[in-house]
Amino acid sequence: MSSFRVKGGLKLKGEITPQGAKNEALQILCAVLLTEETVHIHKIPNIRDVNKLIELLADMGVEVSKTGPESYQFNAAKVDLDYLDTDKFLTKASSLRGSVMLLGPLLARFGKGKISKPGGDKIGRRRLDTHFVGFQKLGAKFNYDTKREIYNIDGHALKGTYMLLDEASVTGTANILMAAVMAEGKTTIYNAACEPYLQQLCDMLNRMGANITGVGSNLLHIEGVKKLNGTEHTLLPDMIEIGSFIGLAAMTQSEITIKDAQIHRLGIIPDTFKRMGIQMEFRGDDIHIPAQKHYEIETFIDGSILTVADAIWPGFTPDLLSIVLVTATQAKGTVLVHQKMFESRLFFVDKLIDMGAQIILCDPHRATVIGLDRKYPLKGIRMTSPDIRAGVSLLIAALSAEGQSIIDNVEQIDRGYQYIDQRLNALGADIVRID
């Protein structure tokens, strides 16, 4: 297990380029199974979750070759379906949340899929019903071995149909979409997720020969095709990293420029941080955050406390609520953070309270943060990273605090942020990795 030793109170300065989007990468990598031709993908982040999925694809028989620092070629002409029945596959798949999206491509191309219950962050219940109900509506037969926690699906005769998803699940929509692109006839998916990463998946599949319309909306139409071809694809910059760097700049009174942010794909993320009082300037596709000694949280028009809540796209992404929460601790004013989707994601606030933050955890989904306006700086402590986003929030808190902090279990942070210690040290941070 690794830890970070963090010296707080340093002001950072410089430019930083966001990595390729983690959540997009997991979808796009699974999609390479849909064709026997070569798929070339660029800006793949070097992070644990992505690397484990690439390793899993290679074990399945996919030819993987690295063509550049962030580029890979994949050829899935010879997939070993027998490998899916091995304990090795089931064990590896269970350690990775994104492995569930292997099922859609496997059903589409080979007519069957098998996977163990996937792991991932301990942030609350993350049910998979949307995925499997969608497969069943396409005609697949579903069986769940409750003792071994293994999902078996037979999809040899997938047929297009109309479906209304019970929730706008991003991974669920991606999985069903990948199964439907080669199903017989037309599939209509209503209440589909429409995040930029899903739009990217649709655009990639259309370049491969799929017929998907309604991209960017919550109503997708898919005309099934017999075969898909190879393609080349570049991932978007990771919007969660971009939001994290905005919060980091404000908390540490740093002047940071985020390069190549593709601002038009960020939705309301910049505006939400502006409502926290954070100044920023758009310079082409770069976001410049000046050093700010003070930033003040807005109120609603009637003077009531600002609420920042997660919502399906184009609402505010739940992955950035932890960043909003920690950033608010040194702002002037009060904000209510409402995490609707996951009931365990706010439990890391006890560490922030130990550091001196004024936070009232109202219930598992809501926390009220009373900004200290830097009158009482956070103090360094020893703490443990419970999940990816909370881990980075604690890292931001440690960088802004007085004294030294130790963050344990930083493997969680490594799952979503590549070389985060090295990249921040290049801006002037003092982060030492301890193995």
Protein backbone atom coordinates (compact mmCIF):
# COMPACT_ATOMS: atom_id res chain seq x y z
CA MET A 1 0.00 0.00 0.00
CA SER A 2 1.31 3.46 -0.93
CA SER A 3 0.88 6.81 0.80
CA PHE A 4 1.43 10.47 -0.03
CA ARG A 5 3.35 12.74 2.33
CA VAL A 6 2.08 16.22 1.51
CA LYS A 7 3.54 19.54 2.61
CA GLY A 8 0.70 22.04 2.75
CA GLY A 9 0.51 25.79 2.32
CA LEU A 10 2.48 26.06 -0.94
CA LYS A 11 1.17 28.15 -3.82
CA LEU A 12 1.33 26.46 -7.20
CA LYS A 13 1.87 28.05 -10.57
CA GLY A 14 2.00 26.92 -14.18
CA GLU A 15 0.20 24.99 -16.89
CA ILE A 16 -1.31 21.52 -16.66
CA THR A 17 -2.91 19.39 -19.37
CA PRO A 18 -5.78 17.10 -18.37
CA GLN A 19 -5.45 13.40 -19.10
CA GLY A 20 -7.77 11.51 -21.43
CA ALA A 21 -11.15 10.85 -19.88
CA LYS A 22 -11.22 7.76 -17.64
CA ASN A 23 -14.95 7.14 -17.96
CA GLU A 24 -14.84 7.44 -21.74
CA ALA A 25 -11.80 5.16 -21.96
CA LEU A 26 -13.58 2.28 -20.21
CA GLN A 27 -16.45 2.40 -22.73
CA ILE A 28 -14.26 2.84 -25.79
CA LEU A 29 -11.91 0.01 -24.81
CA CYS A 30 -14.80 -2.42 -24.47
CA ALA A 31 -16.07 -1.39 -27.91
CA VAL A 32 -12.94 -2.76 -29.62
CA LEU A 33 -14.51 -6.23 -29.20
CA LEU A 34 -17.22 -5.30 -31.72
CA THR A 35 -14.96 -5.69 -34.75
CA GLU A 36 -12.27 -8.03 -36.02
CA GLU A 37 -10.49 -5.06 -37.59
CA THR A 38 -7.91 -2.82 -35.92
CA VAL A 39 -9.01 0.07 -33.69
CA HIS A 40 -6.47 2.82 -32.91
CA ILE A 41 -7.17 4.88 -29.76
CA HIS A 42 -5.32 8.01 -28.64
CA LYS A 43 -4.99 9.88 -25.33
CA ILE A 44 -5.52 6.78 -23.19
CA PRO A 45 -4.70 7.70 -19.55
CA ASN A 46 -2.10 5.64 -17.71
CA ILE A 47 -4.24 4.83 -14.68
CA ARG A 48 -4.96 1.62 -12.81
CA ASP A 49 -8.56 1.03 -13.93
CA VAL A 50 -7.74 1.57 -17.59
CA ASN A 51 -4.55 -0.49 -17.48
CA LYS A 52 -6.37 -3.38 -15.82
CA LEU A 53 -9.03 -3.34 -18.54
CA ILE A 54 -6.37 -3.33 -21.28
CA GLU A 55 -4.69 -6.27 -19.55
CA LEU A 56 -8.02 -8.09 -19.37
CA LEU A 57 -8.62 -7.55 -23.11
CA ALA A 58 -5.16 -8.94 -23.87
CA ASP A 59 -5.91 -12.02 -21.74
CA MET A 60 -9.09 -12.50 -23.80
CA GLY A 61 -6.99 -12.76 -26.96
CA VAL A 62 -7.11 -9.16 -28.17
CA GLU A 63 -3.81 -8.13 -29.79
CA VAL A 64 -2.66 -4.97 -28.00
CA SER A 65 0.24 -2.82 -29.16
CA LYS A 66 1.37 0.52 -27.78
CA THR A 67 2.03 2.98 -30.61
CA GLY A 68 2.84 6.10 -28.58
CA PRO A 69 2.95 7.48 -25.02
CA GLU A 70 -0.87 7.61 -24.89
CA SER A 71 -1.84 5.60 -28.00
CA TYR A 72 -2.71 1.93 -28.49
CA GLN A 73 -3.85 -0.34 -31.30
CA PHE A 74 -6.31 -3.16 -30.61
CA ASN A 75 -7.25 -6.09 -32.82
CA ALA A 76 -9.96 -8.44 -31.57
CA ALA A 77 -9.98 -10.84 -34.54
CA LYS A 78 -9.20 -13.84 -32.32
CA VAL A 79 -11.09 -13.57 -29.04
CA ASP A 80 -10.76 -16.62 -26.79
CA LEU A 81 -14.32 -17.19 -25.59
CA ASP A 82 -13.24 -20.20 -23.51
CA TYR A 83 -11.25 -17.80 -21.33
CA LEU A 84 -14.53 -16.35 -20.10
CA ASP A 85 -15.18 -19.62 -18.25
CA THR A 86 -11.94 -19.53 -16.29
CA ASP A 87 -11.57 -18.48 -12.68
CA LYS A 88 -8.73 -16.17 -13.74
CA PHE A 89 -11.07 -14.13 -15.95
CA LEU A 90 -13.81 -13.98 -13.34
CA THR A 91 -11.38 -12.87 -10.63
CA LYS A 92 -9.83 -10.16 -12.79
CA ALA A 93 -13.19 -8.88 -14.00
CA SER A 94 -14.54 -8.69 -10.46
CA SER A 95 -11.81 -6.22 -9.49
CA LEU A 96 -12.86 -3.68 -12.11
CA ARG A 97 -16.16 -1.81 -12.27
CA GLY A 98 -15.86 -1.09 -16.00
CA SER A 99 -15.63 -4.79 -16.87
CA VAL A 100 -19.44 -5.00 -16.97
CA MET A 101 -19.35 -3.10 -20.29
CA LEU A 102 -17.63 -6.09 -21.92
CA LEU A 103 -21.03 -7.79 -21.97
CA GLY A 104 -22.70 -5.61 -24.62
CA PRO A 105 -19.98 -6.13 -27.26
CA LEU A 106 -19.70 -9.85 -26.45
CA LEU A 107 -23.45 -10.32 -26.91
CA ALA A 108 -23.50 -8.31 -30.13
CA ARG A 109 -20.65 -10.14 -31.83
CA PHE A 110 -20.55 -13.59 -30.22
CA GLY A 111 -24.04 -14.07 -28.81
CA LYS A 112 -22.97 -14.78 -25.24
CA GLY A 113 -21.39 -13.09 -22.25
CA LYS A 114 -20.28 -14.02 -18.78
CA ILE A 115 -18.86 -11.93 -15.99
CA SER A 116 -18.53 -11.90 -12.22
CA LYS A 117 -19.97 -9.17 -10.07
CA PRO A 118 -17.73 -6.14 -10.74
CA GLY A 119 -16.00 -4.17 -8.01
CA GLY A 120 -15.02 -0.49 -7.92
CA ASP A 121 -15.49 2.36 -5.49
CA LYS A 122 -17.15 1.80 -2.12
CA ILE A 123 -19.52 4.74 -2.54
CA GLY A 124 -22.84 2.98 -2.06
CA ARG A 125 -25.09 0.69 -4.05
CA ARG A 126 -24.41 0.66 -7.78
CA ARG A 127 -27.03 -1.69 -9.16
CA LEU A 128 -26.78 -3.27 -12.60
CA ASP A 129 -30.46 -3.92 -13.25
CA THR A 130 -30.62 -1.34 -16.06
CA HIS A 131 -27.96 -3.23 -18.02
CA PHE A 132 -29.58 -6.63 -17.74
CA VAL A 133 -33.18 -5.52 -18.24
CA GLY A 134 -32.02 -3.81 -21.43
CA PHE A 135 -30.33 -6.99 -22.65
CA GLN A 136 -33.48 -8.98 -21.88
CA LYS A 137 -35.62 -6.56 -23.88
CA LEU A 138 -33.30 -7.17 -26.81
CA GLY A 139 -34.09 -10.88 -26.44
CA ALA A 140 -31.18 -12.10 -24.33
CA LYS A 141 -31.68 -14.73 -21.64
CA PHE A 142 -30.26 -13.76 -18.27
CA ASN A 143 -29.14 -15.96 -15.40
CA TYR A 144 -27.50 -14.84 -12.15
CA ASP A 145 -25.69 -17.36 -9.97
CA THR A 146 -26.31 -15.81 -6.55
CA LYS A 147 -23.83 -18.06 -4.72
CA ARG A 148 -20.87 -17.39 -7.04
CA GLU A 149 -22.13 -13.91 -8.04
CA ILE A 150 -21.71 -14.66 -11.74
CA TYR A 151 -23.84 -13.24 -14.55
CA ASN A 152 -24.50 -15.50 -17.57
CA ILE A 153 -26.22 -14.11 -20.66
CA ASP A 154 -27.28 -15.85 -23.87
CA GLY A 155 -27.82 -13.36 -26.67
CA HIS A 156 -27.74 -15.43 -29.86
CA ALA A 157 -30.89 -13.88 -31.31
CA LEU A 158 -30.87 -10.20 -30.36
CA LYS A 159 -33.66 -8.19 -31.97
CA GLY A 160 -34.29 -4.48 -31.96
CA THR A 161 -37.04 -3.17 -29.74
CA TYR A 162 -38.32 -0.09 -27.91
CA MET A 163 -37.20 0.38 -24.32
CA LEU A 164 -37.58 3.02 -21.65
CA LEU A 165 -34.64 2.83 -19.24
CA ASP A 166 -35.57 2.92 -15.56
CA GLU A 167 -32.62 5.29 -14.99
CA ALA A 168 -30.35 7.25 -17.30
CA SER A 169 -27.34 5.10 -16.43
CA VAL A 170 -24.22 6.05 -18.40
CA THR A 171 -22.65 2.59 -18.30
CA GLY A 172 -26.06 0.97 -18.76
CA THR A 173 -26.80 3.05 -21.84
CA ALA A 174 -23.34 2.32 -23.27
CA ASN A 175 -23.70 -1.42 -22.65
CA ILE A 176 -27.17 -1.68 -24.20
CA LEU A 177 -26.12 0.54 -27.11
CA MET A 178 -23.15 -1.70 -27.92
CA ALA A 179 -25.39 -4.78 -27.82
CA ALA A 180 -28.00 -3.13 -30.06
CA VAL A 181 -25.71 -1.93 -32.87
CA MET A 182 -25.60 -5.45 -34.35
CA ALA A 183 -29.08 -6.61 -33.31
CA GLU A 184 -31.61 -7.37 -36.02
CA GLY A 185 -33.92 -4.42 -36.76
CA LYS A 186 -34.37 -1.09 -35.02
CA THR A 187 -33.81 -0.32 -31.34
CA THR A 188 -35.13 2.80 -29.64
CA ILE A 189 -33.71 3.74 -26.24
CA TYR A 190 -35.63 6.39 -24.30
CA ASN A 191 -34.26 8.02 -21.15
CA ALA A 192 -30.77 7.27 -22.44
CA ALA A 193 -27.78 8.95 -20.83
CA CYS A 194 -26.31 11.65 -23.08
CA GLU A 195 -22.98 12.60 -21.46
CA PRO A 196 -20.20 13.79 -23.80
CA TYR A 197 -18.43 10.47 -23.23
CA LEU A 198 -21.47 8.59 -24.49
CA GLN A 199 -21.68 10.94 -27.46
CA GLN A 200 -18.07 10.05 -28.18
CA LEU A 201 -18.93 6.34 -28.09
CA CYS A 202 -21.82 6.88 -30.51
CA ASP A 203 -19.62 8.88 -32.89
CA MET A 204 -16.97 6.16 -32.81
CA LEU A 205 -19.51 3.40 -33.48
CA ASN A 206 -20.99 5.37 -36.39
CA ARG A 207 -17.50 5.70 -37.90
CA MET A 208 -17.20 1.92 -37.56
CA GLY A 209 -20.37 1.49 -39.63
CA ALA A 210 -23.13 1.59 -37.01
CA ASN A 211 -26.33 3.53 -37.65
CA ILE A 212 -27.12 5.58 -34.52
CA THR A 213 -29.20 8.76 -34.55
CA GLY A 214 -30.30 11.08 -31.76
CA VAL A 215 -26.72 11.38 -30.46
CA GLY A 216 -26.55 13.97 -27.69
CA SER A 217 -30.21 13.52 -26.72
CA ASN A 218 -31.97 11.12 -24.36
CA LEU A 219 -33.71 9.37 -27.28
CA LEU A 220 -31.44 7.11 -29.32
CA HIS A 221 -32.39 5.19 -32.46
CA ILE A 222 -30.18 2.30 -33.58
CA GLU A 223 -30.58 0.43 -36.87
CA GLY A 224 -28.78 -2.87 -36.51
CA VAL A 225 -25.97 -3.71 -38.93
CA LYS A 226 -24.27 -7.02 -39.76
CA LYS A 227 -20.67 -5.96 -39.25
CA LEU A 228 -18.54 -3.15 -37.87
CA ASN A 229 -15.17 -1.97 -39.17
CA GLY A 230 -12.02 -0.60 -37.58
CA THR A 231 -11.51 3.09 -36.81
CA GLU A 232 -9.34 5.67 -35.08
CA HIS A 233 -10.50 7.56 -32.01
CA THR A 234 -9.19 10.25 -29.63
CA LEU A 235 -10.54 10.54 -26.08
CA LEU A 236 -11.83 13.81 -24.66
CA PRO A 237 -9.94 15.51 -21.82
CA ASP A 238 -11.16 14.29 -18.45
CA MET A 239 -13.77 16.76 -17.17
CA ILE A 240 -13.35 15.45 -13.62
CA GLU A 241 -9.65 16.29 -13.69
CA ILE A 242 -10.47 19.74 -15.05
CA GLY A 243 -12.94 20.40 -12.22
CA SER A 244 -10.41 19.06 -9.70
CA PHE A 245 -7.74 21.47 -10.96
CA ILE A 246 -10.16 24.41 -10.72
CA GLY A 247 -10.89 23.55 -7.08
CA LEU A 248 -7.19 22.98 -6.38
CA ALA A 249 -6.25 26.42 -7.75
CA ALA A 250 -8.85 28.15 -5.56
CA MET A 251 -7.97 26.26 -2.37
CA THR A 252 -4.21 26.83 -2.69
CA GLN A 253 -4.43 30.44 -3.95
CA SER A 254 -2.59 29.31 -7.06
CA GLU A 255 -2.39 30.64 -10.60
CA ILE A 256 -3.00 27.67 -12.89
CA THR A 257 -3.81 27.37 -16.59
CA ILE A 258 -5.62 24.20 -17.67
CA LYS A 259 -4.63 23.51 -21.28
CA ASP A 260 -6.83 22.08 -24.05
CA ALA A 261 -9.92 21.73 -21.85
CA GLN A 262 -12.49 21.55 -24.70
CA ILE A 263 -14.62 24.02 -22.79
CA HIS A 264 -17.70 23.51 -25.00
CA ARG A 265 -17.92 19.90 -23.75
CA LEU A 266 -17.84 20.78 -20.03
CA GLY A 267 -21.52 21.67 -19.62
CA ILE A 268 -22.27 23.60 -16.42
CA ILE A 269 -19.04 22.61 -14.66
CA PRO A 270 -17.31 26.01 -15.12
CA ASP A 271 -20.48 27.92 -14.17
CA THR A 272 -20.90 25.84 -11.00
CA PHE A 273 -17.39 26.70 -9.84
CA LYS A 274 -18.01 30.35 -10.73
CA ARG A 275 -21.01 30.25 -8.38
CA MET A 276 -18.55 29.17 -5.70
CA GLY A 277 -16.85 32.53 -6.30
CA ILE A 278 -13.90 31.18 -8.29
CA GLN A 279 -12.65 33.48 -11.00
CA MET A 280 -11.60 32.00 -14.32
CA GLU A 281 -10.82 33.23 -17.78
CA PHE A 282 -11.29 31.32 -21.03
CA ARG A 283 -8.34 31.74 -23.36
CA GLY A 284 -9.31 29.86 -26.48
CA ASP A 285 -9.69 26.30 -25.21
CA ASP A 286 -7.60 26.94 -22.08
CA ILE A 287 -8.98 27.83 -18.63
CA HIS A 288 -6.89 30.31 -16.65
CA ILE A 289 -7.54 30.52 -12.90
CA PRO A 290 -5.82 33.50 -11.26
CA ALA A 291 -4.49 33.37 -7.71
CA GLN A 292 -7.33 34.36 -5.36
CA LYS A 293 -6.96 35.13 -1.69
CA HIS A 294 -10.75 35.15 -1.21
CA TYR A 295 -13.71 33.67 -3.06
CA GLU A 296 -17.33 34.03 -1.99
CA ILE A 297 -20.16 31.55 -2.53
CA GLU A 298 -23.23 33.00 -4.22
CA THR A 299 -26.71 32.73 -2.73
CA PHE A 300 -29.93 32.19 -4.62
CA ILE A 301 -31.78 35.33 -5.74
CA ASP A 302 -33.96 35.33 -2.62
CA GLY A 303 -30.89 35.15 -0.40
CA SER A 304 -31.25 31.48 0.52
CA ILE A 305 -28.26 29.14 0.78
CA LEU A 306 -26.85 27.86 -2.50
CA THR A 307 -27.43 24.17 -3.16
CA VAL A 308 -25.15 22.21 -5.46
CA ALA A 309 -26.64 18.85 -6.39
CA ASP A 310 -25.76 16.14 -8.87
CA ALA A 311 -28.05 15.33 -11.77
CA ILE A 312 -28.02 13.41 -15.03
CA TRP A 313 -26.34 15.24 -17.90
CA PRO A 314 -26.52 18.11 -18.68
CA GLY A 315 -26.78 18.49 -14.91
CA PHE A 316 -23.77 18.59 -12.61
CA THR A 317 -21.74 15.38 -12.52
CA PRO A 318 -21.72 13.52 -9.17
CA ASP A 319 -17.98 12.89 -9.57
CA LEU A 320 -17.25 16.56 -8.82
CA LEU A 321 -19.41 17.04 -5.74
CA SER A 322 -16.51 15.98 -3.49
CA ILE A 323 -14.37 18.69 -5.11
CA VAL A 324 -17.09 21.33 -4.62
CA LEU A 325 -17.43 20.30 -0.98
CA VAL A 326 -13.74 20.59 -0.13
CA THR A 327 -13.39 23.84 -2.10
CA ALA A 328 -16.24 25.38 -0.10
CA THR A 329 -14.41 24.87 3.21
CA GLN A 330 -12.14 27.90 2.56
CA ALA A 331 -14.69 30.04 0.71
CA LYS A 332 -16.76 32.80 2.27
CA GLY A 333 -20.36 31.69 2.68
CA THR A 334 -22.36 28.51 3.01
CA VAL A 335 -23.38 25.80 0.54
CA LEU A 336 -25.54 22.70 0.80
CA VAL A 337 -24.01 19.79 -1.15
CA HIS A 338 -26.64 17.21 -2.13
CA GLN A 339 -25.28 13.89 -3.37
CA LYS A 340 -28.40 12.16 -4.68
CA MET A 341 -26.97 9.10 -6.40
CA PHE A 342 -24.65 7.41 -3.87
CA GLU A 343 -25.37 7.15 -0.17
CA SER A 344 -21.76 6.59 1.00
CA ARG A 345 -19.91 9.20 -1.02
CA LEU A 346 -20.00 11.96 1.60
CA PHE A 347 -18.64 9.89 4.46
CA PHE A 348 -15.10 11.17 3.87
CA VAL A 349 -16.07 14.53 5.40
CA ASP A 350 -15.05 13.27 8.84
CA LYS A 351 -11.42 13.70 7.73
CA LEU A 352 -12.10 17.28 6.66
CA ILE A 353 -13.76 17.97 10.01
CA ASP A 354 -10.65 16.59 11.73
CA MET A 355 -8.62 19.07 9.67
CA GLY A 356 -10.74 21.92 11.03
CA ALA A 357 -13.45 22.31 8.39
CA GLN A 358 -16.94 23.34 9.51
CA ILE A 359 -19.21 20.76 7.92
CA ILE A 360 -22.56 19.39 9.09
CA LEU A 361 -23.30 15.96 7.65
CA CYS A 362 -27.08 16.19 7.58
CA ASP A 363 -27.64 12.62 6.36
CA PRO A 364 -25.86 10.18 3.98
CA HIS A 365 -26.79 12.37 1.00
CA ARG A 366 -26.44 15.97 2.22
CA ALA A 367 -23.74 18.06 3.84
CA THR A 368 -23.77 21.74 4.75
CA VAL A 369 -20.38 23.44 4.43
CA ILE A 370 -19.74 26.69 6.29
CA GLY A 371 -16.89 28.48 4.54
CA LEU A 372 -14.16 29.81 6.83
CA ASP A 373 -12.87 32.46 4.37
CA ARG A 374 -9.33 31.29 5.28
CA LYS A 375 -9.66 32.70 8.83
CA TYR A 376 -8.94 29.25 10.25
CA PRO A 377 -6.71 27.28 7.83
CA LEU A 378 -7.05 23.53 7.67
CA LYS A 379 -4.37 21.62 9.54
CA GLY A 380 -2.44 18.59 8.29
CA ILE A 381 -3.41 15.15 9.59
CA ARG A 382 -3.08 11.47 8.65
CA MET A 383 -6.03 10.08 6.69
CA THR A 384 -7.04 7.33 4.27
CA SER A 385 -8.42 7.68 0.76
CA PRO A 386 -11.75 5.79 0.56
CA ASP A 387 -12.39 6.21 -3.19
CA ILE A 388 -11.03 8.02 -6.25
CA ARG A 389 -12.85 11.34 -5.97
CA ALA A 390 -12.74 11.61 -2.18
CA GLY A 391 -9.04 10.78 -2.36
CA VAL A 392 -8.30 13.72 -4.65
CA SER A 393 -10.48 15.98 -2.49
CA LEU A 394 -8.38 15.02 0.54
CA LEU A 395 -5.21 15.66 -1.49
CA ILE A 396 -6.49 19.16 -2.35
CA ALA A 397 -7.29 19.74 1.33
CA ALA A 398 -3.80 18.58 2.34
CA LEU A 399 -2.14 20.87 -0.23
CA SER A 400 -4.00 23.86 1.21
CA ALA A 401 -3.51 22.95 4.89
CA GLU A 402 -0.92 24.14 7.35
CA GLY A 403 1.72 21.53 8.11
CA GLN A 404 2.20 18.02 6.83
CA SER A 405 -0.44 15.43 5.93
CA ILE A 406 -0.17 11.72 5.19
CA ILE A 407 -2.75 10.18 2.83
CA ASP A 408 -2.86 6.39 2.89
CA ASN A 409 -4.33 4.03 0.27
CA VAL A 410 -3.42 6.34 -2.63
CA GLU A 411 -3.91 3.40 -4.99
CA GLN A 412 -7.50 4.64 -5.03
CA ILE A 413 -6.32 7.98 -6.42
CA ASP A 414 -4.08 6.17 -8.94
CA ARG A 415 -7.18 4.44 -10.30
CA GLY A 416 -8.39 7.72 -11.77
CA TYR A 417 -5.53 10.25 -11.94
CA GLN A 418 -2.30 9.54 -13.83
CA TYR A 419 1.01 10.65 -12.29
CA ILE A 420 -0.94 13.10 -10.11
CA ASP A 421 1.95 13.57 -7.66
CA GLN A 422 4.51 14.20 -10.43
CA ARG A 423 2.23 16.57 -12.35
CA LEU A 424 1.38 18.66 -9.29
CA ASN A 425 5.00 18.69 -8.13
CA ALA A 426 5.86 20.22 -11.51
CA LEU A 427 3.61 23.13 -10.52
CA GLY A 428 5.39 23.60 -7.19
CA ALA A 429 3.65 21.11 -4.90
CA ASP A 430 5.59 18.98 -2.42
CA ILE A 431 4.14 15.47 -2.59
CA VAL A 432 6.29 12.44 -1.76
CA ARG A 433 5.08 8.93 -2.56
CA ILE A 434 5.89 6.46 0.20
CA ASP A 435 5.68 2.73 -0.60
